[in-house]
Amino acid sequence: MDLPPTPPTLSDGHVTLRAHLVEDAQGSYEATLDADYQRWTSVPLPVSLEGARHFVGQIMPGAWADGSAWGFAVEHGGSYVGTVELRTASDREAGVVEIAYGSHPRVRGLRLEGRSVMERALRLLLAWAFDEAGVHTVMWRAHRGNWASRKLAWKVGFRVEGTVRQWLTQRGERHDAWIGTLLRGDPREPPTTWLRPPRLEGERVRLRPFTASDVPRVVEACSDERTRHWLGTLPEPYDETAARAYLLHVEERHAVGGGVTWAVADRGTDEMLGSMALFDLDPGREVEVGYWAHPAARGRGVVTEGTGLALRYAFGRLAVQRVVAFAAADNTASRHVLESNGLTQYATERLGARISTGSTDQVCLDVLAGEWVTGQVARMPTREAGGGQA
């Protein structure tokens, strides 16, 4: 399809997409000074006002003219606040493009009638691409860990297809990338439920989201000999890189609605005592519970209490009918935690558990919603703070 020689002007009454102007250079320069902008994009360093002038005055108009990219300046309140573009490259004729976007820090988090400035900008861009520019497939990719980009893509309908190792190059280094797609006929709404772990308060412990400050405690717990014996698939050695990878995996599970993971923390000090997870969620039907403890938490009953908090959430907010769990047959401490919370053994799977010395039998336990409610709820005082879905 023939396109105009310069970008058309698009607006939803709150946000406008238009051609880049020379006077946008200052705003573009300010955006590139932001640490997150530099971390997640390939903007040349050090940034400069002259570089911004070249971007808005030469690169963006030149790319539109030669068909390699369709870029728009994002305007709000009469000022430049970002750039959105579709990069056509060699797939132009096939109707396949790649989306890219970046915003000025001052509009991050700003919502206009329920939608952020950049969400509105992307919706305008996608409508134009599918309805006017003959596009049928839009690809999205971002550095693994760039949650702001992923959440924005999720809001407008992109499906994350997976992670490609060492896919993106940034300043001479290669990085893992998330890859997603949006097709012309796809709904432009979130394709999954993005779960967020709420804070759950018990008598002695709380369940809360993990934070970066928990990394040293995760390393200590997962380097412990006893933990490593029963969790036979842990990386060796277990260092800070492994701990950060674990926390990233946890967030990825939240993003696809696969479950919820909390740090088990001391209610008085907030010190991390372990991990509590509900995973392999089959909505409305069942979920699996699993956990591990920091050595300093053993023998204090905190994992037992934390498991009860997680079960209440599973049967309440997640509305599952069954919670299942698995433990090595000889792991009496883990079995005690589960049995104390009303789970009972229904089978033994021979050589079903992987421990540090090889394979061993594992027991399979479960509890149904009606069984747990009648047997446990009276002695599980809790308070929940915060929502459970993004």
Protein backbone atom coordinates (compact mmCIF):
# COMPACT_ATOMS: atom_id res chain seq x y z
CA MET A 1 0.00 0.00 0.00
CA ASP A 2 1.28 3.48 -0.87
CA LEU A 3 1.90 5.60 2.22
CA PRO A 4 2.14 9.39 2.49
CA PRO A 5 5.65 10.91 2.21
CA THR A 6 5.50 12.01 5.84
CA PRO A 7 3.68 10.58 8.88
CA PRO A 8 -0.02 11.35 9.10
CA THR A 9 -1.33 12.97 12.27
CA LEU A 10 -3.30 10.60 14.52
CA SER A 11 -5.10 11.52 17.75
CA ASP A 12 -7.47 10.05 20.31
CA GLY A 13 -8.20 13.39 21.97
CA HIS A 14 -5.56 12.87 24.66
CA VAL A 15 -2.45 11.82 22.75
CA THR A 16 -1.30 12.79 19.27
CA LEU A 17 1.07 10.97 16.92
CA ARG A 18 2.76 13.17 14.33
CA ALA A 19 5.97 13.73 12.41
CA HIS A 20 9.08 14.57 14.40
CA LEU A 21 9.98 18.26 14.55
CA VAL A 22 13.30 19.99 15.12
CA GLU A 23 11.98 21.38 18.40
CA ASP A 24 11.46 17.81 19.70
CA ALA A 25 15.23 17.48 20.14
CA GLN A 26 15.27 18.82 23.71
CA GLY A 27 12.59 16.39 24.87
CA SER A 28 14.27 13.49 23.09
CA TYR A 29 17.58 14.39 24.73
CA GLU A 30 15.97 14.54 28.18
CA ALA A 31 14.41 11.11 27.63
CA THR A 32 17.75 9.54 26.71
CA LEU A 33 19.35 10.90 29.91
CA ASP A 34 17.11 8.55 31.90
CA ALA A 35 18.94 5.52 33.35
CA ASP A 36 16.21 3.06 32.37
CA TYR A 37 16.13 4.41 28.82
CA GLN A 38 19.86 3.81 28.53
CA ARG A 39 19.66 0.40 30.19
CA TRP A 40 17.02 -1.09 27.92
CA THR A 41 17.66 0.58 24.55
CA SER A 42 20.63 0.86 22.20
CA VAL A 43 20.81 4.65 22.28
CA PRO A 44 24.46 5.59 21.64
CA LEU A 45 26.38 6.64 24.74
CA PRO A 46 27.20 9.22 25.82
CA VAL A 47 23.94 10.91 24.84
CA SER A 48 24.00 14.47 23.61
CA LEU A 49 21.66 17.20 22.43
CA GLU A 50 23.37 17.07 19.05
CA GLY A 51 22.59 13.35 18.85
CA ALA A 52 18.95 14.08 19.66
CA ARG A 53 18.82 16.70 16.91
CA HIS A 54 20.18 14.15 14.47
CA PHE A 55 17.57 11.61 15.61
CA VAL A 56 14.52 13.86 15.18
CA GLY A 57 15.83 15.80 12.18
CA GLN A 58 17.57 13.09 10.13
CA ILE A 59 17.07 9.52 11.31
CA MET A 60 13.30 9.50 11.76
CA PRO A 61 12.41 11.43 8.56
CA GLY A 62 15.01 9.45 6.59
CA ALA A 63 13.66 6.09 7.75
CA TRP A 64 10.11 7.12 6.76
CA ALA A 65 11.33 8.26 3.36
CA ASP A 66 13.20 5.05 2.53
CA GLY A 67 10.54 2.78 4.05
CA SER A 68 12.76 1.16 6.67
CA ALA A 69 10.66 2.46 9.58
CA TRP A 70 7.43 4.34 10.19
CA GLY A 71 8.17 6.55 13.16
CA PHE A 72 5.90 8.99 14.98
CA ALA A 73 6.56 11.55 17.69
CA VAL A 74 4.20 11.18 20.66
CA GLU A 75 2.73 14.49 21.81
CA HIS A 76 0.80 15.19 25.01
CA GLY A 77 -0.10 18.58 26.41
CA GLY A 78 1.56 20.27 23.48
CA SER A 79 4.96 18.70 24.16
CA TYR A 80 7.03 15.82 22.80
CA VAL A 81 6.89 12.88 25.24
CA GLY A 82 8.23 9.93 23.26
CA THR A 83 8.60 8.04 20.01
CA VAL A 84 6.78 5.00 18.62
CA GLU A 85 7.73 3.27 15.41
CA LEU A 86 7.21 0.26 13.20
CA ARG A 87 10.38 -1.08 11.64
CA THR A 88 9.67 -2.61 8.29
CA ALA A 89 13.10 -3.88 7.18
CA SER A 90 13.04 -6.75 4.67
CA ASP A 91 9.54 -7.95 5.59
CA ARG A 92 7.79 -4.79 4.40
CA GLU A 93 6.05 -6.45 1.48
CA ALA A 94 4.96 -9.38 3.62
CA GLY A 95 3.11 -7.09 6.04
CA VAL A 96 5.35 -8.01 8.98
CA VAL A 97 6.79 -5.19 11.09
CA GLU A 98 8.49 -4.80 14.45
CA ILE A 99 7.29 -2.32 17.06
CA ALA A 100 9.57 -0.11 19.15
CA TYR A 101 8.82 2.65 21.65
CA GLY A 102 10.38 4.89 24.24
CA SER A 103 8.96 7.58 26.50
CA HIS A 104 10.03 10.66 28.40
CA PRO A 105 10.20 9.89 32.16
CA ARG A 106 7.66 12.59 33.01
CA VAL A 107 4.76 10.67 31.44
CA ARG A 108 5.58 7.26 32.90
CA GLY A 109 2.72 6.26 35.14
CA LEU A 110 0.52 9.12 33.93
CA ARG A 111 -2.94 7.77 33.18
CA LEU A 112 -5.58 9.52 31.10
CA GLU A 113 -9.06 8.10 31.69
CA GLY A 114 -7.66 4.73 32.69
CA ARG A 115 -4.89 4.39 30.09
CA SER A 116 -1.30 5.54 30.13
CA VAL A 117 0.06 7.99 27.57
CA MET A 118 2.17 5.30 25.89
CA GLU A 119 -0.65 2.75 25.86
CA ARG A 120 -2.76 5.30 24.01
CA ALA A 121 0.11 5.97 21.62
CA LEU A 122 0.54 2.27 20.85
CA ARG A 123 -3.17 1.79 20.29
CA LEU A 124 -3.18 4.65 17.78
CA LEU A 125 -0.10 3.22 16.04
CA LEU A 126 -1.50 -0.33 15.86
CA ALA A 127 -4.89 0.81 14.55
CA TRP A 128 -3.15 2.76 11.79
CA ALA A 129 -0.83 -0.16 10.98
CA PHE A 130 -3.59 -2.74 10.67
CA ASP A 131 -6.26 -0.53 9.13
CA GLU A 132 -4.24 1.79 6.88
CA ALA A 133 -0.74 0.41 6.28
CA GLY A 134 -1.57 -3.17 5.23
CA VAL A 135 0.19 -4.78 8.22
CA HIS A 136 -0.97 -8.22 9.35
CA THR A 137 1.70 -9.15 11.93
CA VAL A 138 3.48 -6.95 14.45
CA MET A 139 6.45 -8.38 16.33
CA TRP A 140 7.65 -7.17 19.73
CA ARG A 141 10.91 -7.94 21.41
CA ALA A 142 12.64 -6.64 24.51
CA HIS A 143 15.54 -7.51 26.74
CA ARG A 144 14.54 -10.20 29.20
CA GLY A 145 13.82 -8.31 32.39
CA ASN A 146 12.41 -5.16 30.78
CA TRP A 147 9.11 -5.37 32.64
CA ALA A 148 7.89 -1.90 31.67
CA SER A 149 8.07 -2.77 27.97
CA ARG A 150 6.52 -6.20 28.51
CA LYS A 151 3.60 -4.91 30.55
CA LEU A 152 2.81 -2.25 27.94
CA ALA A 153 2.92 -4.82 25.14
CA TRP A 154 0.69 -7.13 27.22
CA LYS A 155 -1.88 -4.39 27.75
CA VAL A 156 -2.39 -3.88 24.02
CA GLY A 157 -2.67 -7.59 23.25
CA PHE A 158 0.79 -8.95 22.43
CA ARG A 159 1.30 -12.63 23.19
CA VAL A 160 4.75 -13.44 24.48
CA GLU A 161 5.85 -16.49 22.51
CA GLY A 162 8.98 -17.18 24.55
CA THR A 163 12.59 -16.27 25.27
CA VAL A 164 15.34 -16.39 22.67
CA ARG A 165 18.81 -16.66 24.13
CA GLN A 166 21.44 -14.10 23.13
CA TRP A 167 19.11 -12.56 20.54
CA LEU A 168 19.66 -8.84 21.09
CA THR A 169 22.91 -6.93 20.76
CA GLN A 170 23.47 -3.84 22.85
CA ARG A 171 26.77 -1.95 22.77
CA GLY A 172 28.75 -5.02 21.81
CA GLU A 173 27.09 -7.43 24.27
CA ARG A 174 24.42 -10.03 23.55
CA HIS A 175 21.32 -10.40 25.71
CA ASP A 176 18.40 -12.81 26.03
CA ALA A 177 15.19 -11.44 24.52
CA TRP A 178 11.47 -11.87 25.00
CA ILE A 179 9.61 -12.26 21.71
CA GLY A 180 5.91 -11.59 21.12
CA THR A 181 3.42 -11.11 18.32
CA LEU A 182 0.13 -9.38 17.63
CA LEU A 183 -1.93 -10.31 14.57
CA ARG A 184 -4.43 -8.12 12.78
CA GLY A 185 -7.40 -10.15 14.04
CA ASP A 186 -6.21 -10.51 17.64
CA PRO A 187 -8.08 -8.72 20.43
CA ARG A 188 -6.11 -5.68 21.57
CA GLU A 189 -6.59 -6.60 25.19
CA PRO A 190 -4.37 -8.53 27.66
CA PRO A 191 -4.17 -12.15 26.47
CA THR A 192 -3.39 -13.56 29.93
CA THR A 193 -4.13 -12.82 33.57
CA TRP A 194 -1.09 -11.11 35.09
CA LEU A 195 -1.04 -12.25 38.71
CA ARG A 196 0.52 -10.17 41.48
CA PRO A 197 1.32 -11.69 44.88
CA PRO A 198 -0.55 -9.72 47.56
CA ARG A 199 0.85 -9.34 51.06
CA LEU A 200 -0.73 -11.92 53.36
CA GLU A 201 -0.32 -11.38 57.09
CA GLY A 202 -0.24 -14.28 59.54
CA GLU A 203 0.50 -14.44 63.25
CA ARG A 204 4.30 -14.80 62.92
CA VAL A 205 5.01 -14.52 59.21
CA ARG A 206 3.87 -12.60 56.18
CA LEU A 207 3.89 -13.61 52.55
CA ARG A 208 5.10 -10.74 50.37
CA PRO A 209 6.64 -10.25 46.92
CA PHE A 210 10.35 -10.95 46.57
CA THR A 211 12.63 -7.95 46.18
CA ALA A 212 16.20 -7.52 44.96
CA SER A 213 17.30 -7.15 48.59
CA ASP A 214 16.34 -10.80 49.17
CA VAL A 215 19.02 -12.08 46.78
CA PRO A 216 21.69 -12.76 49.44
CA ARG A 217 19.22 -14.74 51.56
CA VAL A 218 18.11 -16.73 48.51
CA VAL A 219 21.76 -17.61 47.85
CA GLU A 220 22.24 -18.70 51.47
CA ALA A 221 19.12 -20.88 51.43
CA CYS A 222 19.81 -22.53 48.09
CA SER A 223 23.48 -23.15 48.92
CA ASP A 224 22.52 -24.98 52.11
CA GLU A 225 23.39 -28.69 52.08
CA ARG A 226 19.98 -29.82 53.32
CA THR A 227 18.10 -27.68 50.81
CA ARG A 228 20.32 -28.91 48.00
CA HIS A 229 19.76 -32.54 49.02
CA TRP A 230 15.98 -32.38 48.62
CA LEU A 231 15.96 -29.98 45.64
CA GLY A 232 18.25 -31.98 43.41
CA THR A 233 17.95 -29.75 40.33
CA LEU A 234 19.34 -26.53 41.85
CA PRO A 235 22.24 -24.93 39.93
CA GLU A 236 25.76 -25.57 41.20
CA PRO A 237 27.22 -23.33 42.45
CA TYR A 238 24.22 -21.30 43.56
CA ASP A 239 25.37 -17.69 43.33
CA GLU A 240 23.77 -14.27 42.94
CA THR A 241 23.31 -14.84 39.20
CA ALA A 242 21.30 -17.98 39.94
CA ALA A 243 19.23 -16.16 42.57
CA ARG A 244 18.40 -13.30 40.20
CA ALA A 245 17.45 -15.84 37.52
CA TYR A 246 15.09 -17.47 40.03
CA LEU A 247 13.39 -14.15 40.83
CA LEU A 248 13.07 -13.39 37.11
CA HIS A 249 11.49 -16.81 36.53
CA VAL A 250 9.04 -16.08 39.35
CA GLU A 251 7.96 -12.83 37.69
CA GLU A 252 7.58 -14.52 34.32
CA ARG A 253 5.23 -17.04 35.91
CA HIS A 254 3.15 -14.17 37.31
CA ALA A 255 3.01 -12.50 33.87
CA VAL A 256 1.40 -15.52 32.19
CA GLY A 257 -0.96 -16.32 35.04
CA GLY A 258 0.85 -19.57 35.84
CA GLY A 259 0.88 -19.07 39.59
CA VAL A 260 1.94 -16.88 42.48
CA THR A 261 5.21 -16.94 44.45
CA TRP A 262 5.94 -15.13 47.68
CA ALA A 263 8.86 -14.59 49.99
CA VAL A 264 8.03 -15.95 53.43
CA ALA A 265 9.15 -13.20 55.79
CA ASP A 266 9.30 -12.63 59.54
CA ARG A 267 6.35 -10.43 60.43
CA GLY A 268 8.39 -8.36 62.87
CA THR A 269 11.61 -7.82 60.91
CA ASP A 270 10.48 -8.58 57.33
CA GLU A 271 13.60 -10.76 56.94
CA MET A 272 13.17 -13.41 54.26
CA LEU A 273 12.75 -16.90 55.72
CA GLY A 274 11.86 -18.90 52.63
CA SER A 275 9.86 -19.19 49.43
CA MET A 276 6.21 -20.17 49.03
CA ALA A 277 4.75 -20.91 45.58
CA LEU A 278 1.46 -21.83 43.99
CA PHE A 279 2.28 -22.98 40.46
CA ASP A 280 1.07 -25.03 37.50
CA LEU A 281 -2.26 -23.27 37.95
CA ASP A 282 -5.23 -24.78 36.15
CA PRO A 283 -7.76 -21.95 36.73
CA GLY A 284 -10.84 -22.99 38.64
CA ARG A 285 -9.54 -26.52 39.03
CA GLU A 286 -6.21 -27.05 40.80
CA VAL A 287 -2.78 -25.70 41.66
CA GLU A 288 0.41 -27.15 43.15
CA VAL A 289 2.00 -25.81 46.33
CA GLY A 290 5.74 -25.88 46.94
CA TYR A 291 8.24 -24.20 49.23
CA TRP A 292 11.76 -24.08 50.60
CA ALA A 293 13.15 -22.62 53.82
CA HIS A 294 16.22 -20.68 54.83
CA PRO A 295 18.22 -22.70 57.41
CA ALA A 296 17.48 -20.05 60.05
CA ALA A 297 13.75 -20.69 59.67
CA ARG A 298 13.73 -24.42 60.34
CA GLY A 299 11.97 -25.75 63.39
CA ARG A 300 10.00 -22.54 63.96
CA GLY A 301 6.76 -23.51 62.20
CA VAL A 302 6.99 -20.57 59.80
CA VAL A 303 6.76 -22.68 56.65
CA THR A 304 3.73 -24.49 58.05
CA GLU A 305 2.03 -21.17 58.75
CA GLY A 306 3.07 -19.80 55.36
CA THR A 307 1.62 -22.84 53.61
CA GLY A 308 -1.69 -22.23 55.35
CA LEU A 309 -1.73 -18.64 54.12
CA ALA A 310 -1.03 -19.82 50.57
CA LEU A 311 -3.80 -22.43 50.75
CA ARG A 312 -6.30 -19.85 51.91
CA TYR A 313 -5.37 -17.71 48.91
CA ALA A 314 -5.60 -20.71 46.57
CA PHE A 315 -9.08 -21.71 47.70
CA GLY A 316 -10.26 -18.13 48.12
CA ARG A 317 -8.86 -15.70 45.53
CA LEU A 318 -7.80 -18.31 42.96
CA ALA A 319 -10.97 -20.35 43.58
CA VAL A 320 -9.37 -23.71 42.84
CA GLN A 321 -11.04 -26.93 43.91
CA ARG A 322 -7.88 -28.91 44.68
CA VAL A 323 -4.35 -28.24 45.86
CA VAL A 324 -1.70 -30.88 45.19
CA ALA A 325 1.82 -31.30 46.50
CA PHE A 326 4.70 -33.73 46.11
CA ALA A 327 7.54 -34.59 48.48
CA ALA A 328 10.31 -37.15 48.60
CA ALA A 329 9.06 -40.08 50.66
CA ASP A 330 11.87 -39.67 53.20
CA ASN A 331 11.47 -35.89 53.54
CA THR A 332 9.59 -36.06 56.82
CA ALA A 333 9.84 -32.31 57.49
CA SER A 334 8.14 -31.42 54.20
CA ARG A 335 5.49 -34.06 54.68
CA HIS A 336 4.77 -32.70 58.15
CA VAL A 337 4.20 -29.20 56.74
CA LEU A 338 1.70 -30.53 54.22
CA GLU A 339 -0.10 -32.91 56.56
CA SER A 340 -0.40 -30.17 59.19
CA ASN A 341 -2.30 -28.14 56.60
CA GLY A 342 -4.78 -30.89 55.82
CA LEU A 343 -3.18 -32.55 52.79
CA THR A 344 -3.31 -36.33 52.72
CA GLN A 345 -1.39 -38.89 50.70
CA TYR A 346 -3.22 -40.44 47.79
CA ALA A 347 -0.38 -42.21 45.95
CA THR A 348 3.33 -43.00 45.80
CA GLU A 349 5.28 -42.42 42.61
CA ARG A 350 8.27 -44.72 42.43
CA LEU A 351 11.50 -42.83 41.70
CA GLY A 352 9.44 -39.71 41.08
CA ALA A 353 11.62 -37.25 43.04
CA ARG A 354 15.06 -36.00 42.03
CA ILE A 355 17.36 -35.42 44.99
CA SER A 356 21.09 -34.77 45.16
CA THR A 357 21.95 -38.49 45.22
CA GLY A 358 19.66 -39.49 42.33
CA SER A 359 16.02 -40.50 42.12
CA THR A 360 13.83 -41.62 45.00
CA ASP A 361 10.18 -42.38 45.66
CA GLN A 362 7.88 -39.41 46.16
CA VAL A 363 4.53 -39.18 47.86
CA CYS A 364 1.59 -37.42 46.21
CA LEU A 365 -0.74 -35.44 48.49
CA ASP A 366 -3.80 -33.31 47.97
CA VAL A 367 -6.66 -31.53 49.69
CA LEU A 368 -10.00 -30.43 48.28
CA ALA A 369 -11.54 -27.04 48.91
CA GLY A 370 -14.35 -28.37 51.09
CA GLU A 371 -11.97 -30.52 53.13
CA TRP A 372 -9.56 -27.68 53.84
CA VAL A 373 -12.21 -25.09 54.66
CA THR A 374 -13.93 -27.27 57.24
CA GLY A 375 -10.71 -28.44 58.82
CA GLN A 376 -8.39 -25.42 58.67
CA VAL A 377 -10.09 -22.07 58.30
CA ALA A 378 -11.00 -21.65 61.97
CA ARG A 379 -7.35 -21.60 63.05
CA MET A 380 -5.87 -19.52 60.21
CA PRO A 381 -6.25 -15.79 61.06
CA THR A 382 -4.91 -13.72 58.17
CA ARG A 383 -5.06 -10.25 56.71
CA GLU A 384 -4.61 -9.57 53.02
CA ALA A 385 -3.24 -6.31 51.69
CA GLY A 386 -3.23 -5.46 48.01
CA GLY A 387 -4.78 -7.02 44.95
CA GLY A 388 -4.02 -10.32 43.32
CA GLN A 389 -4.11 -9.45 39.63
CA ALA A 390 -2.44 -6.81 37.49
